[in-house]
Protein backbone atom coordinates (compact mmCIF):
# COMPACT_ATOMS: atom_id res chain seq x y z
CA UNK A 1 93.65 15.09 -20.90
CA UNK A 2 95.91 16.82 -18.37
CA UNK A 3 97.72 13.50 -17.59
CA UNK A 4 98.32 12.67 -21.16
CA UNK A 5 99.69 16.11 -21.70
CA UNK A 6 101.93 15.93 -18.84
CA UNK A 7 103.18 12.23 -19.94
CA UNK A 8 103.80 13.65 -23.45
CA UNK A 9 105.82 16.37 -22.16
CA UNK A 10 107.69 13.88 -20.02
CA UNK A 11 108.34 11.49 -22.79
CA UNK A 12 109.50 14.26 -25.15
CA UNK A 13 111.73 15.67 -22.27
CA UNK A 14 112.95 12.05 -21.72
CA UNK A 15 113.55 11.49 -25.50
CA UNK A 16 115.42 14.71 -25.68
CA UNK A 17 117.35 14.17 -22.44
CA UNK A 18 117.15 10.23 -22.46
CA UNK A 19 116.33 10.39 -18.71
CA UNK A 20 115.38 7.02 -16.85
CA UNK A 21 111.97 6.09 -16.16
CA UNK A 22 111.72 2.97 -14.37
CA UNK A 23 108.17 2.51 -13.75
CA UNK A 24 107.45 3.59 -17.29
CA UNK A 25 104.69 5.87 -16.15
CA UNK A 26 106.04 8.61 -18.60
CA UNK A 27 107.50 10.60 -15.69
CA UNK A 28 111.39 10.56 -15.51
CA UNK A 29 112.92 9.51 -12.20
CA UNK A 30 113.96 12.98 -11.40
CA UNK A 31 110.30 14.23 -11.60
CA UNK A 32 108.79 11.19 -10.19
CA UNK A 33 108.57 11.08 -6.15
CA UNK A 34 108.29 7.20 -6.66
CA UNK A 35 109.58 5.95 -10.00
CA UNK A 36 109.09 2.35 -8.93
CA UNK A 37 105.36 2.76 -8.73
CA UNK A 38 103.45 3.66 -12.03
CA UNK A 39 100.45 4.79 -9.77
CA UNK A 40 102.45 7.40 -8.07
CA UNK A 41 103.56 10.59 -9.72
CA UNK A 42 102.55 14.11 -10.72
CA UNK A 43 99.27 14.27 -11.90
CA UNK A 44 97.87 11.18 -10.22
CA UNK A 45 94.70 11.27 -8.22
CA UNK A 46 95.14 11.43 -4.50
CA UNK A 47 93.40 8.53 -2.71
CA UNK A 48 92.87 7.69 1.01
CA UNK A 49 95.74 5.18 0.97
CA UNK A 50 98.54 6.59 3.12
CA UNK A 51 100.40 7.50 -0.04
CA UNK A 52 101.51 10.76 -1.52
CA UNK A 53 99.80 9.73 -4.75
CA UNK A 54 100.26 13.01 -6.64
CA UNK A 55 103.68 13.84 -5.36
CA UNK A 56 102.69 17.33 -3.88
CA UNK A 57 104.56 16.54 -0.65
CA UNK A 58 101.40 15.66 1.32
CA UNK A 59 99.66 12.48 2.06
CA UNK A 60 95.92 11.78 1.53
CA UNK A 61 95.18 15.62 1.24
CA UNK A 62 92.10 16.42 -0.75
CA UNK A 63 91.67 12.62 -1.52
CA UNK A 64 89.28 12.08 -4.17
CA UNK A 65 87.58 9.28 -2.02
CA UNK A 66 87.51 11.14 1.27
CA UNK A 67 84.39 11.26 3.34
CA UNK A 68 82.32 14.43 4.07
CA UNK A 69 82.24 15.04 8.03
CA UNK A 70 80.42 17.54 10.18
CA UNK A 71 81.28 19.33 13.42
CA UNK A 72 79.37 18.02 16.55
CA UNK A 73 79.94 20.90 19.09
CA UNK A 74 77.13 19.60 21.47
CA UNK A 75 78.11 15.96 21.05
CA UNK A 76 74.63 14.63 20.36
CA UNK A 77 75.86 12.54 17.45
CA UNK A 78 74.39 14.93 14.53
CA UNK A 79 76.80 17.36 13.15
CA UNK A 80 76.23 21.00 11.83
CA UNK A 81 76.04 21.42 8.07
CA UNK A 82 77.51 24.81 8.30
CA UNK A 83 80.82 23.43 9.76
CA UNK A 84 82.07 20.46 7.52
CA UNK A 85 85.13 19.28 5.81
CA UNK A 86 86.42 16.14 3.89
CA UNK A 87 88.62 13.60 5.60
CA UNK A 88 89.92 10.14 5.12
CA UNK A 89 89.25 9.60 8.79
CA UNK A 90 86.73 11.32 11.01
CA UNK A 91 88.50 13.87 13.25
CA UNK A 92 87.60 14.32 17.00
CA UNK A 93 84.50 16.52 17.45
CA UNK A 94 83.19 15.57 13.99
CA UNK A 95 80.50 13.07 12.81
CA UNK A 96 79.33 11.82 9.36
CA UNK A 97 75.64 12.48 10.23
CA UNK A 98 74.55 15.90 9.32
CA UNK A 99 71.21 17.69 10.15
CA UNK A 100 71.67 19.35 13.54
CA UNK A 101 70.00 22.61 13.73
CA UNK A 102 71.48 23.93 16.95
CA UNK A 103 74.72 22.48 17.75
CA UNK A 104 74.78 24.11 21.01
CA UNK A 105 72.15 22.12 22.59
CA UNK A 106 72.30 18.41 22.88
CA UNK A 107 68.84 18.13 23.19
CA UNK A 108 68.33 19.45 19.58
CA UNK A 109 69.16 16.95 16.89
CA UNK A 110 67.25 15.24 14.08
CA UNK A 111 66.42 12.08 16.28
CA UNK A 112 65.17 14.15 19.11
CA UNK A 113 61.62 13.66 20.51
CA UNK A 114 59.28 16.63 20.07
CA UNK A 115 56.05 16.22 22.20
CA UNK A 116 55.71 19.24 24.54
CA UNK A 117 53.07 21.70 23.00
CA UNK A 118 54.05 24.33 25.53
CA UNK A 119 57.77 24.45 24.27
CA UNK A 120 58.48 26.51 21.20
CA UNK A 121 61.74 24.87 20.42
CA UNK A 122 62.26 22.77 17.15
CA UNK A 123 63.98 19.86 18.94
CA UNK A 124 64.00 17.38 15.97
CA UNK A 125 65.01 19.97 13.39
CA UNK A 126 62.20 19.36 11.12
CA UNK A 127 61.41 23.02 10.74
CA UNK A 128 58.08 22.62 12.65
CA UNK A 129 57.02 22.56 16.54
CA UNK A 130 53.94 21.36 18.37
CA UNK A 131 53.73 24.71 20.02
CA UNK A 132 51.26 27.44 18.83
CA UNK A 133 50.48 31.10 20.12
CA UNK A 134 48.33 32.65 17.61
CA UNK A 135 47.19 35.49 19.73
CA UNK A 136 50.78 36.24 20.87
CA UNK A 137 49.69 36.39 24.65
CA UNK A 138 52.60 34.35 25.76
CA UNK A 139 50.55 31.24 26.66
CA UNK A 140 50.47 28.24 24.09
CA UNK A 141 47.30 27.18 22.43
CA UNK A 142 47.22 23.97 24.52
CA UNK A 143 46.83 25.91 27.52
CA UNK A 144 44.73 28.88 26.10
CA UNK A 145 41.12 28.66 26.12
CA UNK A 146 41.03 31.25 23.49
CA UNK A 147 44.00 31.32 21.27
CA UNK A 148 42.41 34.04 19.04
CA UNK A 149 42.22 36.53 21.83
CA UNK A 150 45.31 38.02 23.55
CA UNK A 151 42.96 39.27 26.38
CA UNK A 152 42.08 35.67 27.24
CA UNK A 153 44.58 33.44 29.03
CA UNK A 154 45.14 31.74 32.38
CA UNK A 155 46.80 34.77 33.79
CA UNK A 156 44.17 37.32 32.56
CA UNK A 157 41.96 39.56 35.08
CA UNK A 158 38.53 38.23 35.01
CA UNK A 159 36.13 41.25 33.79
CA UNK A 160 32.42 41.65 33.59
CA UNK A 161 32.13 40.93 29.90
CA UNK A 162 30.43 37.39 29.85
CA UNK A 163 33.68 35.92 28.95
CA UNK A 164 35.79 33.27 30.77
CA UNK A 165 38.73 35.64 30.72
CA UNK A 166 41.13 33.69 33.01
CA UNK A 167 40.28 30.26 31.52
CA UNK A 168 39.15 28.92 34.89
CA UNK A 169 35.89 27.58 33.31
CA UNK A 170 33.71 30.23 35.20
CA UNK A 171 32.31 33.33 33.41
CA UNK A 172 32.11 36.79 35.42
CA UNK A 173 32.72 35.16 38.69
CA UNK A 174 33.08 37.05 42.09
CA UNK A 175 35.94 39.44 42.11
CA UNK A 176 35.77 40.21 38.44
CA UNK A 177 37.01 43.67 37.35
CA UNK A 178 34.29 46.22 36.87
CA UNK A 179 32.15 44.35 39.20
CA UNK A 180 30.09 46.10 41.90
CA UNK A 181 30.48 45.82 45.54
CA UNK A 182 27.38 44.21 47.23
CA UNK A 183 26.62 44.00 50.84
CA UNK A 184 24.86 41.15 52.89
CA UNK A 185 21.41 42.55 53.99
CA UNK A 186 20.50 40.18 56.90
CA UNK A 187 17.43 42.22 58.41
CA UNK A 188 16.20 43.13 54.83
CA UNK A 189 16.03 46.91 55.73
CA UNK A 190 17.80 47.63 52.24
CA UNK A 191 21.13 48.69 54.11
CA UNK A 192 23.90 45.91 54.10
CA UNK A 193 26.77 45.15 56.34
CA UNK A 194 30.18 46.66 55.12
CA UNK A 195 32.00 43.89 56.80
CA UNK A 196 30.28 41.33 54.79
CA UNK A 197 30.51 42.04 50.97
CA UNK A 198 31.39 40.50 47.65
CA UNK A 199 32.27 41.96 44.30
CA UNK A 200 30.13 40.70 41.58
CA UNK A 201 29.04 41.66 38.15
CA UNK A 202 25.35 41.11 39.03
CA UNK A 203 23.55 41.51 42.35
CA UNK A 204 23.62 38.31 44.35
CA UNK A 205 20.27 37.27 46.22
CA UNK A 206 20.39 38.88 49.67
CA UNK A 207 22.66 41.63 48.89
CA UNK A 208 22.34 45.19 48.42
CA UNK A 209 24.44 48.05 46.88
CA UNK A 210 24.33 50.16 50.33
CA UNK A 211 26.85 49.00 52.96
CA UNK A 212 26.09 51.54 55.69
CA UNK A 213 24.16 49.57 58.13
CA UNK A 214 25.57 49.70 61.57
CA UNK A 215 23.30 46.87 62.83
CA UNK A 216 22.52 44.34 60.26
CA UNK A 217 20.42 42.42 62.70
CA UNK A 218 17.98 45.20 63.72
CA UNK A 219 15.49 46.33 60.92
CA UNK A 220 14.92 49.69 62.92
CA UNK A 221 18.59 50.61 62.94
CA UNK A 222 20.05 51.90 59.65
CA UNK A 223 21.00 55.32 58.11
CA UNK A 224 17.45 55.94 56.97
CA UNK A 225 15.97 55.68 60.58
CA UNK A 226 14.95 58.41 62.92
CA UNK A 227 17.04 58.89 66.03
CA UNK A 228 15.02 58.57 69.28
CA UNK A 229 15.79 58.57 72.82
CA UNK A 230 16.56 54.90 73.56
CA UNK A 231 20.66 54.78 74.05
CA UNK A 232 20.93 53.31 70.36
CA UNK A 233 22.62 54.84 67.37
CA UNK A 234 19.29 54.43 65.45
CA UNK A 235 20.59 56.53 62.34
CA UNK A 236 24.01 54.92 62.25
CA UNK A 237 25.95 58.35 62.39
CA UNK A 238 28.28 57.27 65.10
CA UNK A 239 26.44 59.15 67.88
CA UNK A 240 23.79 57.79 70.35
CA UNK A 241 20.61 59.76 70.81
CA UNK A 242 21.81 62.74 69.12
CA UNK A 243 19.10 65.11 67.45
CA UNK A 244 16.51 62.60 68.48
CA UNK A 245 12.90 63.34 67.33
CA UNK A 246 11.48 63.04 70.90
CA UNK A 247 14.27 64.99 72.52
CA UNK A 248 13.51 67.73 75.20
CA UNK A 249 14.81 71.39 74.91
CA UNK A 250 17.18 72.47 77.74
CA UNK A 251 18.56 75.87 78.57
CA UNK A 252 21.87 77.15 79.51
CA UNK A 253 22.27 78.05 83.24
CA UNK A 254 25.26 80.36 82.72
CA UNK A 255 25.39 81.63 86.24
CA UNK A 256 24.64 78.25 87.89
CA UNK A 257 21.61 79.51 89.92
CA UNK A 258 19.25 76.84 88.73
CA UNK A 259 17.29 78.94 86.34
CA UNK A 260 18.28 78.96 82.61
CA UNK A 261 18.08 81.85 80.16
CA UNK A 262 16.53 81.57 76.83
CA UNK A 263 19.59 82.81 74.93
CA UNK A 264 20.98 79.49 74.46
CA UNK A 265 19.15 76.16 74.26
CA UNK A 266 19.96 72.58 73.12
CA UNK A 267 17.88 69.69 72.46
CA UNK A 268 18.77 66.49 74.11
CA UNK A 269 17.43 63.17 75.55
CA UNK A 270 19.22 64.06 78.77
CA UNK A 271 20.28 67.60 79.98
CA UNK A 272 23.67 68.60 78.80
CA UNK A 273 26.22 69.67 81.57
CA UNK A 274 25.25 73.34 82.51
CA UNK A 275 21.86 73.15 81.15
CA UNK A 276 18.31 72.96 82.94
CA UNK A 277 14.77 72.68 82.02
CA UNK A 278 13.67 76.10 82.87
CA UNK A 279 14.20 79.27 81.03
CA UNK A 280 12.69 82.19 83.19
CA UNK A 281 15.98 83.60 84.40
CA UNK A 282 15.84 87.35 83.61
CA UNK A 283 19.73 87.69 83.84
CA UNK A 284 21.68 84.44 83.31
CA UNK A 285 24.89 86.12 84.04
CA UNK A 286 23.98 87.15 87.58
CA UNK A 287 23.64 84.34 90.07
CA UNK A 288 21.83 86.59 92.29
CA UNK A 289 18.94 87.21 89.76
CA UNK A 290 16.32 84.50 89.31
CA UNK A 291 12.76 83.88 89.98
CA UNK A 292 12.10 84.02 93.88
CA UNK A 293 15.49 85.60 94.68
CA UNK A 294 15.71 88.29 97.46
CA UNK A 295 15.85 91.75 96.11
CA UNK A 296 19.30 93.31 96.84
CA UNK A 297 20.60 96.95 96.53
CA UNK A 298 22.49 96.18 93.30
CA UNK A 299 20.51 97.97 90.57
CA UNK A 300 19.45 94.56 89.36
CA UNK A 301 15.86 92.99 89.10
CA UNK A 302 16.90 90.12 91.43
CA UNK A 303 13.43 88.49 91.73
CA UNK A 304 12.99 88.79 87.86
CA UNK A 305 9.55 90.37 88.51
CA UNK A 306 10.35 93.23 85.93
CA UNK A 307 10.44 96.16 88.43
CA UNK A 308 13.00 97.91 90.61
CA UNK A 309 12.48 99.81 94.15
CA UNK A 310 12.80 103.48 93.83
CA UNK A 311 15.90 103.74 95.82
CA UNK A 312 17.54 101.06 93.95
CA UNK A 313 17.27 102.94 90.53
CA UNK A 314 20.23 105.03 89.67
CA UNK A 315 18.54 108.30 89.36
CA UNK A 316 21.39 110.37 87.92
CA UNK A 317 22.90 107.74 85.90
CA UNK A 318 26.17 107.87 87.61
CA UNK A 319 26.59 104.03 88.27
CA UNK A 320 25.89 104.30 92.14
CA UNK A 321 22.55 103.81 93.76
CA UNK A 322 20.74 105.89 96.32
CA UNK A 323 20.20 102.81 98.47
CA UNK A 324 23.72 102.26 98.98
CA UNK A 325 26.27 104.88 98.86
CA UNK A 326 25.28 107.77 96.44
CA UNK A 327 24.83 111.00 98.88
CA UNK A 328 23.06 112.78 95.91
CA UNK A 329 21.27 110.72 93.34
CA UNK A 330 20.25 113.68 91.55
CA UNK A 331 23.61 114.90 90.55
CA UNK A 332 25.66 112.57 88.46
CA UNK A 333 28.93 114.41 89.42
CA UNK A 334 28.49 113.46 93.04
CA UNK A 335 29.15 109.86 93.96
CA UNK A 336 31.80 107.72 95.89
CA UNK A 337 34.05 107.44 92.89
CA UNK A 338 34.01 111.23 91.98
CA UNK A 339 36.95 113.64 92.43
CA UNK A 340 36.72 116.14 95.44
CA UNK A 341 36.94 119.57 94.03
CA UNK A 342 37.39 123.01 95.77
CA UNK A 343 33.52 123.93 95.27
CA UNK A 344 32.09 123.79 98.83
CA UNK A 345 30.52 120.40 98.17
CA UNK A 346 30.95 116.71 99.37
CA UNK A 347 31.71 115.44 95.79
CA UNK A 348 32.96 112.11 96.89
CA UNK A 349 30.34 111.52 99.52
CA UNK A 350 32.77 110.81 102.28
CA UNK A 351 31.26 113.31 104.52
CA UNK A 352 33.66 116.05 104.22
CA UNK A 353 33.67 119.27 102.17
CA UNK A 354 36.64 120.11 99.93
CA UNK A 355 39.03 117.70 101.80
CA UNK A 356 41.93 116.50 99.55
CA UNK A 357 40.40 118.29 96.65
CA UNK A 358 42.17 117.52 93.35
CA UNK A 359 42.38 121.26 92.36
CA UNK A 360 43.88 122.46 95.46
CA UNK A 361 47.07 124.70 95.21
CA UNK A 362 50.18 125.19 97.38
CA UNK A 363 50.34 128.03 99.65
CA UNK A 364 53.88 129.22 101.27
CA UNK A 365 54.41 130.48 104.97
CA UNK A 366 54.36 134.36 104.93
CA UNK A 367 55.62 134.95 108.42
CA UNK A 368 56.44 138.88 107.92
CA UNK A 369 53.00 139.41 106.20
CA UNK A 370 54.45 141.27 103.44
CA UNK A 371 52.49 139.08 100.74
CA UNK A 372 55.54 137.00 99.67
CA UNK A 373 56.01 133.48 100.91
CA UNK A 374 58.92 131.46 101.84
CA UNK A 375 59.70 128.47 99.24
CA UNK A 376 59.69 125.90 102.18
CA UNK A 377 56.98 124.37 103.98
CA UNK A 378 54.26 124.68 101.46
CA UNK A 379 50.74 123.27 102.07
CA UNK A 380 48.02 122.55 99.78
CA UNK A 381 44.59 124.60 100.12
CA UNK A 382 41.51 125.48 98.20
CA UNK A 383 42.03 129.16 99.08
CA UNK A 384 44.69 131.40 100.90
CA UNK A 385 44.45 132.04 104.65
CA UNK A 386 46.34 134.37 106.98
CA UNK A 387 50.16 133.65 107.15
CA UNK A 388 50.20 132.00 103.82
CA UNK A 389 50.92 133.18 100.17
CA UNK A 390 50.68 131.70 96.88
CA UNK A 391 54.04 133.36 95.99
CA UNK A 392 57.24 131.66 97.04
CA UNK A 393 59.77 134.32 96.28
CA UNK A 394 60.55 136.04 99.48
CA UNK A 395 64.22 135.81 100.32
CA UNK A 396 63.81 136.99 103.82
CA UNK A 397 60.57 135.96 105.41
CA UNK A 398 61.67 137.69 108.77
CA UNK A 399 61.62 141.27 107.36
CA UNK A 400 58.67 142.71 105.68
CA UNK A 401 60.73 145.33 103.96
CA UNK A 402 62.72 142.79 102.19
CA UNK A 403 60.79 141.23 99.28
CA UNK A 404 60.63 141.23 95.51
CA UNK A 405 58.48 144.36 95.60
CA UNK A 406 60.94 146.48 97.66
CA UNK A 407 63.33 149.10 96.28
CA UNK A 408 67.01 148.12 96.39
CA UNK A 409 69.03 150.50 98.47
CA UNK A 410 72.67 150.82 97.25
CA UNK A 411 75.38 150.55 99.59
CA UNK A 412 73.55 148.88 102.45
CA UNK A 413 74.93 145.44 101.87
CA UNK A 414 71.30 143.96 101.63
CA UNK A 415 69.58 142.48 98.57
CA UNK A 416 66.47 144.38 99.33
CA UNK A 417 64.60 143.32 96.15
CA UNK A 418 65.40 139.55 96.34
CA UNK A 419 67.02 139.73 92.87
CA UNK A 420 70.25 137.99 94.04
CA UNK A 421 72.22 141.18 93.72
CA UNK A 422 73.52 143.70 96.56
CA UNK A 423 74.12 147.13 94.96
CA UNK A 424 77.26 148.86 96.51
CA UNK A 425 77.97 152.55 96.74
CA UNK A 426 78.97 154.38 93.42
CA UNK A 427 81.88 156.80 93.27
CA UNK A 428 81.48 159.58 90.59
CA UNK A 429 84.49 161.32 88.77
CA UNK A 430 85.05 163.61 85.97
CA UNK A 431 87.24 163.12 82.83
CA UNK A 432 89.93 165.65 82.94
CA UNK A 433 89.67 166.30 79.07
CA UNK A 434 86.06 165.66 78.15
CA UNK A 435 84.26 166.57 81.41
CA UNK A 436 82.02 163.45 81.18
CA UNK A 437 81.07 161.78 84.44
CA UNK A 438 82.10 158.18 85.23
CA UNK A 439 80.72 155.72 87.73
CA UNK A 440 83.27 153.71 89.24
CA UNK A 441 82.74 150.59 91.50
CA UNK A 442 84.74 151.57 94.68
CA UNK A 443 85.31 147.74 95.57
CA UNK A 444 86.77 146.79 92.12
CA UNK A 445 87.76 150.07 90.45
CA UNK A 446 85.87 148.84 87.35
CA UNK A 447 84.12 151.92 85.46
CA UNK A 448 80.33 150.78 85.44
CA UNK A 449 78.90 153.51 83.05
CA UNK A 450 79.43 157.10 81.99
CA UNK A 451 76.69 159.74 82.12
CA UNK A 452 76.21 163.41 81.28
CA UNK A 453 74.57 164.38 84.26
CA UNK A 454 73.02 161.61 86.12
CA UNK A 455 71.58 158.54 84.47
CA UNK A 456 71.70 159.15 80.58
CA UNK A 457 74.23 156.85 79.02
CA UNK A 458 76.91 158.23 76.70
CA UNK A 459 79.76 156.83 74.57
CA UNK A 460 83.02 156.47 76.43
CA UNK A 461 85.85 158.78 75.56
CA UNK A 462 89.33 157.63 76.27
CA UNK A 463 92.44 159.91 77.19
CA UNK A 464 94.85 160.48 74.40
CA UNK A 465 97.10 157.79 75.69
CA UNK A 466 94.05 155.34 75.68
CA UNK A 467 94.05 155.48 79.48
CA UNK A 468 91.21 156.26 81.71
CA UNK A 469 92.06 158.93 84.39
CA UNK A 470 89.41 159.52 87.19
CA UNK A 471 89.54 162.26 89.74
CA UNK A 472 87.49 161.11 92.66
CA UNK A 473 85.89 164.51 93.91
CA UNK A 474 82.56 163.36 95.62
CA UNK A 475 80.45 160.44 96.53
CA UNK A 476 76.77 160.02 95.99
CA UNK A 477 73.90 157.48 96.03
């Protein structure tokens, strides 16, 4: 209808304009791209003929007889239906056959073989595969002995559950998880060899659950056996002849005198170092005390007979014996280690009385016999003797009248009382105004004291001019 409409318009237009239409197709030559061919003109159907049939300026475009072609990206001869176009000629990279479900893999196309049950790929693009994995355990049904259980497949751990978990054809074989360790018991003593074991769900014949036997070839050797003195580790504790049932009791000989005491003992098949069979030592810390030893003067029962000689006893409990060096075993303060005292006794038993006594005191030479000694040349004595004094304050041991007890004589130039001061003569005067007496040092002129009469101290009264005027009129002592 469209073609007839256009032709009618052209005829009408031509009739009005009286334009030429050589091919008499109803389209004037000015509107016809080929006015010599009635098959060519606007509104004609484009065909695959190398001609612009519809005068749209393009040749064979959208031709009505064009072929549908499909992109063949993997070059396997089958194109992808999702990438198609119509063309008069097949372009490079395109084919006329559709149906490729994976145009990136040349192994996948409608004609591909599909015979591997372990491969989940749809090679022939028919929508189905030979691969099956119903339990989702990553193993195809053709390799899985139970495709309904994800716990059963060739890589599964065999466990003790009466199922062939690893698809090896055996059920609960040795090494299955959850199995028990069983140990070979060669000597049938119910204790197995730890070095020879299996892991099994059930106890194998000749195996036991205990693997602590240290000698699986000796029925008498196992952890339940008694240890005896035979140089063998009978009870498998890693020790030989320890705590043996037939062991001997040995006693420590601490002092090495050949006799042991009963304080420390140890059982053993052989005597431990420092132990002996006898336990009759009465003092195992004294090598001189043991049965049959010679009695010594040491306060000890050397021969272990339970008694001591009378003179070997310490009668005064001062730690020294009468048989040796205590000169008075009835007095605990008299013995060789005692301090000598000024008491008229031989306290330290050295044969001398009061010699070098610890309580001696120093006495000083008193050459003038005045009862006061000189501070040099002191000696230690228990008591004073003639020519010695306990005092050391005499300043002149050659003069009996000079000592701390003597009276000081002024003006004689001597320190009579040993106080370090020599008293000079005193000059007395009278104050011309008050009549008070003044004592003046004749050597220095210093006013020493004032007195009303002689000896009583009074306040000093100065002259009106604040000067002291003294008239010397007499001297006195």
